[in-house]
């Protein structure tokens, strides 16, 4: 790869890192409006550079398999990771609900009618995050670092944006690393967003007992 391209990518990432640190320090506890505005800004920057990212960055790492094979394998591996995690969240949620209000509390927690709607609302946000970290960040890190380091760093960066919620950030780290590995290998985004939305919704509803739909409604009122 040309040194000029490396220098450009390194400059972008250094600027991104500095701005991210400033953002996290300035807004340790932030409203959803700030997150939405930041996401819109980041998306606009990435969209402006999408052609460069596709043709200059990711062109260095062509997929090994045909599109159909990559899609099939990506869905299969994402499902193999997501389904056991959801089942574990369900067991945890059932036990927490039972401890509070008996079996009725457990089943009420698991069968919250808002969960499906929250998942559908969450899905575009999850896809946006995967696009930001996988399409934009991972490609640049792969251009500058060994593959294992780039994958690990992208997953950790994804987890850090969930601070100051320590529990969510810790849960996001292994998930982020796994999703990053899948995108590096198969270059298919939707299964990652689907996994992200399913795990995020069930984590909040079942493990934390939080109704995301009502929380979002309160925020935007």
C-alpha atoms as a PDB file:
ATOM      1  CA  UNK A   1       0.000   0.000   0.000  1.00  0.00           C
ATOM      2  CA  UNK A   2       1.247   3.492  -0.793  1.00  0.00           C
ATOM      3  CA  UNK A   3       2.686   5.411   2.125  1.00  0.00           C
ATOM      4  CA  UNK A   4       0.471   8.381   1.281  1.00  0.00           C
ATOM      5  CA  UNK A   5      -2.625   6.231   1.828  1.00  0.00           C
ATOM      6  CA  UNK A   6      -1.278   4.985   5.137  1.00  0.00           C
ATOM      7  CA  UNK A   7      -0.574   8.521   6.242  1.00  0.00           C
ATOM      8  CA  UNK A   8      -4.083   9.625   5.306  1.00  0.00           C
ATOM      9  CA  UNK A   9      -5.699   6.771   7.220  1.00  0.00           C
ATOM     10  CA  UNK A  10      -3.469   7.275  10.245  1.00  0.00           C
ATOM     11  CA  UNK A  11      -4.289  10.984  10.309  1.00  0.00           C
ATOM     12  CA  UNK A  12      -8.027  10.216  10.124  1.00  0.00           C
ATOM     13  CA  UNK A  13      -7.847   7.721  12.968  1.00  0.00           C
ATOM     14  CA  UNK A  14      -5.752   9.962  15.203  1.00  0.00           C
ATOM     15  CA  UNK A  15      -8.219  12.800  14.704  1.00  0.00           C
ATOM     16  CA  UNK A  16     -11.111  10.413  15.343  1.00  0.00           C
ATOM     17  CA  UNK A  17      -9.464   9.122  18.527  1.00  0.00           C
ATOM     18  CA  UNK A  18      -8.850  12.599  19.914  1.00  0.00           C
ATOM     19  CA  UNK A  19     -12.400  13.718  19.146  1.00  0.00           C
ATOM     20  CA  UNK A  20     -13.839  10.549  20.701  1.00  0.00           C
ATOM     21  CA  UNK A  21     -11.883  11.031  23.923  1.00  0.00           C
ATOM     22  CA  UNK A  22     -12.981  14.664  24.128  1.00  0.00           C
ATOM     23  CA  UNK A  23     -16.592  13.603  23.521  1.00  0.00           C
ATOM     24  CA  UNK A  24     -16.579  10.886  26.200  1.00  0.00           C
ATOM     25  CA  UNK A  25     -14.978  13.205  28.748  1.00  0.00           C
ATOM     26  CA  UNK A  26     -17.292  16.114  27.945  1.00  0.00           C
ATOM     27  CA  UNK A  27     -20.455  13.977  27.917  1.00  0.00           C
ATOM     28  CA  UNK A  28     -19.963  11.052  30.345  1.00  0.00           C
ATOM     29  CA  UNK A  29     -23.738  10.981  30.863  1.00  0.00           C
ATOM     30  CA  UNK A  30     -25.474  12.206  27.728  1.00  0.00           C
ATOM     31  CA  UNK A  31     -28.997  12.358  26.378  1.00  0.00           C
ATOM     32  CA  UNK A  32     -30.099  10.325  23.424  1.00  0.00           C
ATOM     33  CA  UNK A  33     -30.267  13.527  21.375  1.00  0.00           C
ATOM     34  CA  UNK A  34     -26.502  13.900  21.606  1.00  0.00           C
ATOM     35  CA  UNK A  35     -25.970  10.286  20.507  1.00  0.00           C
ATOM     36  CA  UNK A  36     -28.342  10.750  17.574  1.00  0.00           C
ATOM     37  CA  UNK A  37     -26.653  13.978  16.479  1.00  0.00           C
ATOM     38  CA  UNK A  38     -23.229  12.349  16.766  1.00  0.00           C
ATOM     39  CA  UNK A  39     -24.397   9.365  14.727  1.00  0.00           C
ATOM     40  CA  UNK A  40     -25.815  11.637  12.024  1.00  0.00           C
ATOM     41  CA  UNK A  41     -22.558  13.579  11.871  1.00  0.00           C
ATOM     42  CA  UNK A  42     -20.489  10.384  11.715  1.00  0.00           C
ATOM     43  CA  UNK A  43     -22.752   8.936   9.031  1.00  0.00           C
ATOM     44  CA  UNK A  44     -22.447  12.074   6.921  1.00  0.00           C
ATOM     45  CA  UNK A  45     -18.646  11.935   7.149  1.00  0.00           C
ATOM     46  CA  UNK A  46     -18.584   8.248   6.226  1.00  0.00           C
ATOM     47  CA  UNK A  47     -21.037   8.774   3.363  1.00  0.00           C
ATOM     48  CA  UNK A  48     -18.815  11.500   1.962  1.00  0.00           C
ATOM     49  CA  UNK A  49     -15.882   9.054   2.025  1.00  0.00           C
ATOM     50  CA  UNK A  50     -17.811   5.899   1.094  1.00  0.00           C
ATOM     51  CA  UNK A  51     -16.365   5.641  -2.404  1.00  0.00           C
ATOM     52  CA  UNK A  52     -12.826   6.034  -1.086  1.00  0.00           C
ATOM     53  CA  UNK A  53     -13.457   3.481   1.669  1.00  0.00           C
ATOM     54  CA  UNK A  54     -14.871   0.937  -0.767  1.00  0.00           C
ATOM     55  CA  UNK A  55     -12.457   1.415  -3.653  1.00  0.00           C
ATOM     56  CA  UNK A  56      -9.220   2.244  -1.861  1.00  0.00           C
ATOM     57  CA  UNK A  57      -9.488   0.752   1.635  1.00  0.00           C
ATOM     58  CA  UNK A  58     -11.583  -2.411   1.353  1.00  0.00           C
ATOM     59  CA  UNK A  59     -10.304  -3.168  -2.155  1.00  0.00           C
ATOM     60  CA  UNK A  60      -7.102  -4.312  -0.444  1.00  0.00           C
ATOM     61  CA  UNK A  61      -9.023  -7.145   1.241  1.00  0.00           C
ATOM     62  CA  UNK A  62     -11.174  -8.900  -1.373  1.00  0.00           C
ATOM     63  CA  UNK A  63     -13.610 -11.542  -0.053  1.00  0.00           C
ATOM     64  CA  UNK A  64     -12.508 -15.148  -0.366  1.00  0.00           C
ATOM     65  CA  UNK A  65     -15.900 -16.660  -1.182  1.00  0.00           C
ATOM     66  CA  UNK A  66     -18.796 -15.838  -3.488  1.00  0.00           C
ATOM     67  CA  UNK A  67     -21.635 -13.640  -2.230  1.00  0.00           C
ATOM     68  CA  UNK A  68     -24.124 -16.458  -1.622  1.00  0.00           C
ATOM     69  CA  UNK A  69     -21.645 -18.472   0.445  1.00  0.00           C
ATOM     70  CA  UNK A  70     -20.630 -15.447   2.494  1.00  0.00           C
ATOM     71  CA  UNK A  71     -24.236 -14.516   3.258  1.00  0.00           C
ATOM     72  CA  UNK A  72     -25.134 -18.073   4.273  1.00  0.00           C
ATOM     73  CA  UNK A  73     -22.130 -18.538   6.524  1.00  0.00           C
ATOM     74  CA  UNK A  74     -22.485 -15.118   8.097  1.00  0.00           C
ATOM     75  CA  UNK A  75     -26.103 -15.782   9.063  1.00  0.00           C
ATOM     76  CA  UNK A  76     -25.211 -19.244  10.374  1.00  0.00           C
ATOM     77  CA  UNK A  77     -22.365 -18.037  12.584  1.00  0.00           C
ATOM     78  CA  UNK A  78     -24.268 -14.982  13.780  1.00  0.00           C
ATOM     79  CA  UNK A  79     -27.148 -17.263  14.766  1.00  0.00           C
ATOM     80  CA  UNK A  80     -24.817 -19.694  16.515  1.00  0.00           C
ATOM     81  CA  UNK A  81     -23.531 -16.799  18.628  1.00  0.00           C
ATOM     82  CA  UNK A  82     -26.815 -14.967  19.168  1.00  0.00           C
ATOM     83  CA  UNK A  83     -29.266 -17.754  20.020  1.00  0.00           C
ATOM     84  CA  UNK A  84     -27.344 -19.179  23.033  1.00  0.00           C
ATOM     85  CA  UNK A  85     -26.791 -15.656  24.350  1.00  0.00           C
ATOM     86  CA  UNK A  86     -30.508 -14.868  24.077  1.00  0.00           C
ATOM     87  CA  UNK A  87     -31.369 -18.099  25.872  1.00  0.00           C
ATOM     88  CA  UNK A  88     -28.930 -17.180  28.639  1.00  0.00           C
ATOM     89  CA  UNK A  89     -30.485 -13.716  28.918  1.00  0.00           C
ATOM     90  CA  UNK A  90     -33.901 -15.388  29.122  1.00  0.00           C
ATOM     91  CA  UNK A  91     -32.840 -17.636  31.994  1.00  0.00           C
ATOM     92  CA  UNK A  92     -31.332 -14.672  33.827  1.00  0.00           C
ATOM     93  CA  UNK A  93     -34.423 -12.557  33.252  1.00  0.00           C
ATOM     94  CA  UNK A  94     -36.742 -15.328  34.405  1.00  0.00           C
ATOM     95  CA  UNK A  95     -34.730 -15.824  37.587  1.00  0.00           C
ATOM     96  CA  UNK A  96     -34.618 -12.081  38.319  1.00  0.00           C
ATOM     97  CA  UNK A  97     -38.350 -11.726  37.741  1.00  0.00           C
ATOM     98  CA  UNK A  98     -39.070 -14.788  39.885  1.00  0.00           C
ATOM     99  CA  UNK A  99     -36.954 -13.397  42.704  1.00  0.00           C
ATOM    100  CA  UNK A 100     -38.944 -10.171  42.672  1.00  0.00           C
ATOM    101  CA  UNK A 101     -42.543 -11.331  42.075  1.00  0.00           C
ATOM    102  CA  UNK A 102     -42.532 -15.114  41.704  1.00  0.00           C
ATOM    103  CA  UNK A 103     -43.351 -16.923  38.480  1.00  0.00           C
ATOM    104  CA  UNK A 104     -45.743 -14.198  37.401  1.00  0.00           C
ATOM    105  CA  UNK A 105     -42.937 -11.655  37.645  1.00  0.00           C
ATOM    106  CA  UNK A 106     -40.595 -13.893  35.672  1.00  0.00           C
ATOM    107  CA  UNK A 107     -42.975 -14.529  32.797  1.00  0.00           C
ATOM    108  CA  UNK A 108     -44.158 -10.911  32.748  1.00  0.00           C
ATOM    109  CA  UNK A 109     -40.540  -9.845  32.331  1.00  0.00           C
ATOM    110  CA  UNK A 110     -39.931 -12.260  29.449  1.00  0.00           C
ATOM    111  CA  UNK A 111     -43.220 -11.691  27.646  1.00  0.00           C
ATOM    112  CA  UNK A 112     -43.247  -7.898  27.661  1.00  0.00           C
ATOM    113  CA  UNK A 113     -45.329  -6.902  24.638  1.00  0.00           C
ATOM    114  CA  UNK A 114     -43.036  -3.940  23.920  1.00  0.00           C
ATOM    115  CA  UNK A 115     -40.024  -6.134  23.242  1.00  0.00           C
ATOM    116  CA  UNK A 116     -40.788  -6.841  19.583  1.00  0.00           C
ATOM    117  CA  UNK A 117     -41.523  -3.195  18.799  1.00  0.00           C
ATOM    118  CA  UNK A 118     -38.355  -2.108  20.601  1.00  0.00           C
ATOM    119  CA  UNK A 119     -36.356  -4.619  18.552  1.00  0.00           C
ATOM    120  CA  UNK A 120     -37.758  -3.236  15.292  1.00  0.00           C
ATOM    121  CA  UNK A 121     -36.953   0.329  16.364  1.00  0.00           C
ATOM    122  CA  UNK A 122     -33.520  -0.744  17.604  1.00  0.00           C
ATOM    123  CA  UNK A 123     -32.581  -2.515  14.348  1.00  0.00           C
ATOM    124  CA  UNK A 124     -31.799   0.588  12.218  1.00  0.00           C
ATOM    125  CA  UNK A 125     -29.704   2.007  15.074  1.00  0.00           C
ATOM    126  CA  UNK A 126     -27.832  -1.285  15.382  1.00  0.00           C
ATOM    127  CA  UNK A 127     -27.180  -1.376  11.639  1.00  0.00           C
ATOM    128  CA  UNK A 128     -25.876   2.183  11.766  1.00  0.00           C
ATOM    129  CA  UNK A 129     -23.427   1.293  14.534  1.00  0.00           C
ATOM    130  CA  UNK A 130     -22.218  -1.774  12.656  1.00  0.00           C
ATOM    131  CA  UNK A 131     -21.749   0.356   9.539  1.00  0.00           C
ATOM    132  CA  UNK A 132     -19.700   2.905  11.468  1.00  0.00           C
ATOM    133  CA  UNK A 133     -17.437   0.383  13.152  1.00  0.00           C
ATOM    134  CA  UNK A 134     -17.171  -2.350  10.523  1.00  0.00           C
ATOM    135  CA  UNK A 135     -17.246  -0.537   7.190  1.00  0.00           C
ATOM    136  CA  UNK A 136     -15.395   2.583   8.277  1.00  0.00           C
ATOM    137  CA  UNK A 137     -13.185   1.840  11.275  1.00  0.00           C
ATOM    138  CA  UNK A 138     -12.236  -1.789  10.677  1.00  0.00           C
ATOM    139  CA  UNK A 139     -11.078  -1.222   7.108  1.00  0.00           C
ATOM    140  CA  UNK A 140      -8.739   1.520   8.213  1.00  0.00           C
ATOM    141  CA  UNK A 141      -7.332  -0.441  11.128  1.00  0.00           C
ATOM    142  CA  UNK A 142      -6.735  -3.443   8.873  1.00  0.00           C
ATOM    143  CA  UNK A 143      -4.711  -1.187   6.598  1.00  0.00           C
ATOM    144  CA  UNK A 144      -2.427  -0.188   9.468  1.00  0.00           C
ATOM    145  CA  UNK A 145      -2.356  -3.118  11.886  1.00  0.00           C
ATOM    146  CA  UNK A 146      -2.139  -6.941  11.839  1.00  0.00           C
ATOM    147  CA  UNK A 147      -5.570  -8.491  11.376  1.00  0.00           C
ATOM    148  CA  UNK A 148      -5.986  -9.889  14.942  1.00  0.00           C
ATOM    149  CA  UNK A 149      -5.039  -6.530  16.457  1.00  0.00           C
ATOM    150  CA  UNK A 150      -7.380  -4.627  14.138  1.00  0.00           C
ATOM    151  CA  UNK A 151     -10.295  -6.947  14.914  1.00  0.00           C
ATOM    152  CA  UNK A 152      -9.694  -6.743  18.665  1.00  0.00           C
ATOM    153  CA  UNK A 153      -9.277  -2.965  18.620  1.00  0.00           C
ATOM    154  CA  UNK A 154     -12.497  -2.451  16.639  1.00  0.00           C
ATOM    155  CA  UNK A 155     -14.454  -4.644  19.052  1.00  0.00           C
ATOM    156  CA  UNK A 156     -13.061  -2.815  22.080  1.00  0.00           C
ATOM    157  CA  UNK A 157     -13.773   0.578  20.497  1.00  0.00           C
ATOM    158  CA  UNK A 158     -17.366  -0.529  19.966  1.00  0.00           C
ATOM    159  CA  UNK A 159     -17.685  -1.500  23.631  1.00  0.00           C
ATOM    160  CA  UNK A 160     -16.209   1.791  24.862  1.00  0.00           C
ATOM    161  CA  UNK A 161     -18.938   3.902  23.272  1.00  0.00           C
ATOM    162  CA  UNK A 162     -21.388   2.228  25.677  1.00  0.00           C
ATOM    163  CA  UNK A 163     -19.705   3.830  28.677  1.00  0.00           C
ATOM    164  CA  UNK A 164     -20.532   4.836  31.377  1.00  0.00           C
ATOM    165  CA  UNK A 165     -22.838   1.771  31.501  1.00  0.00           C
ATOM    166  CA  UNK A 166     -20.157  -0.646  32.657  1.00  0.00           C
ATOM    167  CA  UNK A 167     -22.269  -3.801  32.413  1.00  0.00           C
ATOM    168  CA  UNK A 168     -23.391  -3.027  28.879  1.00  0.00           C
ATOM    169  CA  UNK A 169     -19.840  -2.100  27.831  1.00  0.00           C
ATOM    170  CA  UNK A 170     -18.481  -5.393  29.198  1.00  0.00           C
ATOM    171  CA  UNK A 171     -21.182  -7.366  27.384  1.00  0.00           C
ATOM    172  CA  UNK A 172     -20.541  -5.393  24.191  1.00  0.00           C
ATOM    173  CA  UNK A 173     -16.804  -6.191  24.085  1.00  0.00           C
ATOM    174  CA  UNK A 174     -16.952  -9.918  23.177  1.00  0.00           C
ATOM    175  CA  UNK A 175     -19.965  -9.303  20.936  1.00  0.00           C
ATOM    176  CA  UNK A 176     -18.162  -6.473  19.166  1.00  0.00           C
ATOM    177  CA  UNK A 177     -15.056  -8.580  18.608  1.00  0.00           C
ATOM    178  CA  UNK A 178     -17.140 -11.442  17.239  1.00  0.00           C
ATOM    179  CA  UNK A 179     -19.132  -9.206  14.885  1.00  0.00           C
ATOM    180  CA  UNK A 180     -15.890  -7.620  13.703  1.00  0.00           C
ATOM    181  CA  UNK A 181     -14.419 -11.039  12.955  1.00  0.00           C
ATOM    182  CA  UNK A 182     -17.533 -11.955  10.954  1.00  0.00           C
ATOM    183  CA  UNK A 183     -17.410  -8.778   8.904  1.00  0.00           C
ATOM    184  CA  UNK A 184     -13.701  -9.162   8.199  1.00  0.00           C
ATOM    185  CA  UNK A 185     -14.302 -12.705   6.991  1.00  0.00           C
ATOM    186  CA  UNK A 186     -17.610 -12.391   5.137  1.00  0.00           C
ATOM    187  CA  UNK A 187     -18.281  -8.675   4.542  1.00  0.00           C
ATOM    188  CA  UNK A 188     -22.036  -8.998   5.176  1.00  0.00           C
ATOM    189  CA  UNK A 189     -23.559  -6.353   7.440  1.00  0.00           C
ATOM    190  CA  UNK A 190     -27.225  -7.229   8.021  1.00  0.00           C
ATOM    191  CA  UNK A 191     -26.705 -10.392  10.136  1.00  0.00           C
ATOM    192  CA  UNK A 192     -24.527  -8.345  12.465  1.00  0.00           C
ATOM    193  CA  UNK A 193     -27.162  -5.648  12.871  1.00  0.00           C
ATOM    194  CA  UNK A 194     -29.819  -8.304  13.421  1.00  0.00           C
ATOM    195  CA  UNK A 195     -27.706  -9.990  16.094  1.00  0.00           C
ATOM    196  CA  UNK A 196     -26.945  -6.632  17.680  1.00  0.00           C
ATOM    197  CA  UNK A 197     -30.599  -5.584  17.873  1.00  0.00           C
ATOM    198  CA  UNK A 198     -31.745  -8.946  19.256  1.00  0.00           C
ATOM    199  CA  UNK A 199     -29.050  -9.062  21.920  1.00  0.00           C
ATOM    200  CA  UNK A 200     -29.442  -5.394  22.848  1.00  0.00           C
ATOM    201  CA  UNK A 201     -33.219  -5.599  23.210  1.00  0.00           C
ATOM    202  CA  UNK A 202     -33.212  -8.819  25.230  1.00  0.00           C
ATOM    203  CA  UNK A 203     -30.344  -7.620  27.417  1.00  0.00           C
ATOM    204  CA  UNK A 204     -32.259  -4.519  28.453  1.00  0.00           C
ATOM    205  CA  UNK A 205     -35.702  -6.117  28.772  1.00  0.00           C
ATOM    206  CA  UNK A 206     -34.742  -9.417  30.366  1.00  0.00           C
ATOM    207  CA  UNK A 207     -31.482  -8.882  32.238  1.00  0.00           C
ATOM    208  CA  UNK A 208     -31.894  -5.232  33.246  1.00  0.00           C
ATOM    209  CA  UNK A 209     -35.701  -5.230  33.345  1.00  0.00           C
ATOM    210  CA  UNK A 210     -35.817  -1.934  31.435  1.00  0.00           C
ATOM    211  CA  UNK A 211     -38.579  -1.122  28.968  1.00  0.00           C
ATOM    212  CA  UNK A 212     -36.687   0.524  26.108  1.00  0.00           C
ATOM    213  CA  UNK A 213     -39.838   1.613  24.321  1.00  0.00           C
ATOM    214  CA  UNK A 214     -41.116   3.523  27.324  1.00  0.00           C
ATOM    215  CA  UNK A 215     -37.680   4.977  28.001  1.00  0.00           C
ATOM    216  CA  UNK A 216     -37.429   6.262  24.418  1.00  0.00           C
ATOM    217  CA  UNK A 217     -40.960   7.646  24.636  1.00  0.00           C
ATOM    218  CA  UNK A 218     -40.072   9.575  27.795  1.00  0.00           C
ATOM    219  CA  UNK A 219     -36.888  10.944  26.235  1.00  0.00           C
ATOM    220  CA  UNK A 220     -38.559  12.233  23.086  1.00  0.00           C
ATOM    221  CA  UNK A 221     -41.593  13.744  24.802  1.00  0.00           C
END
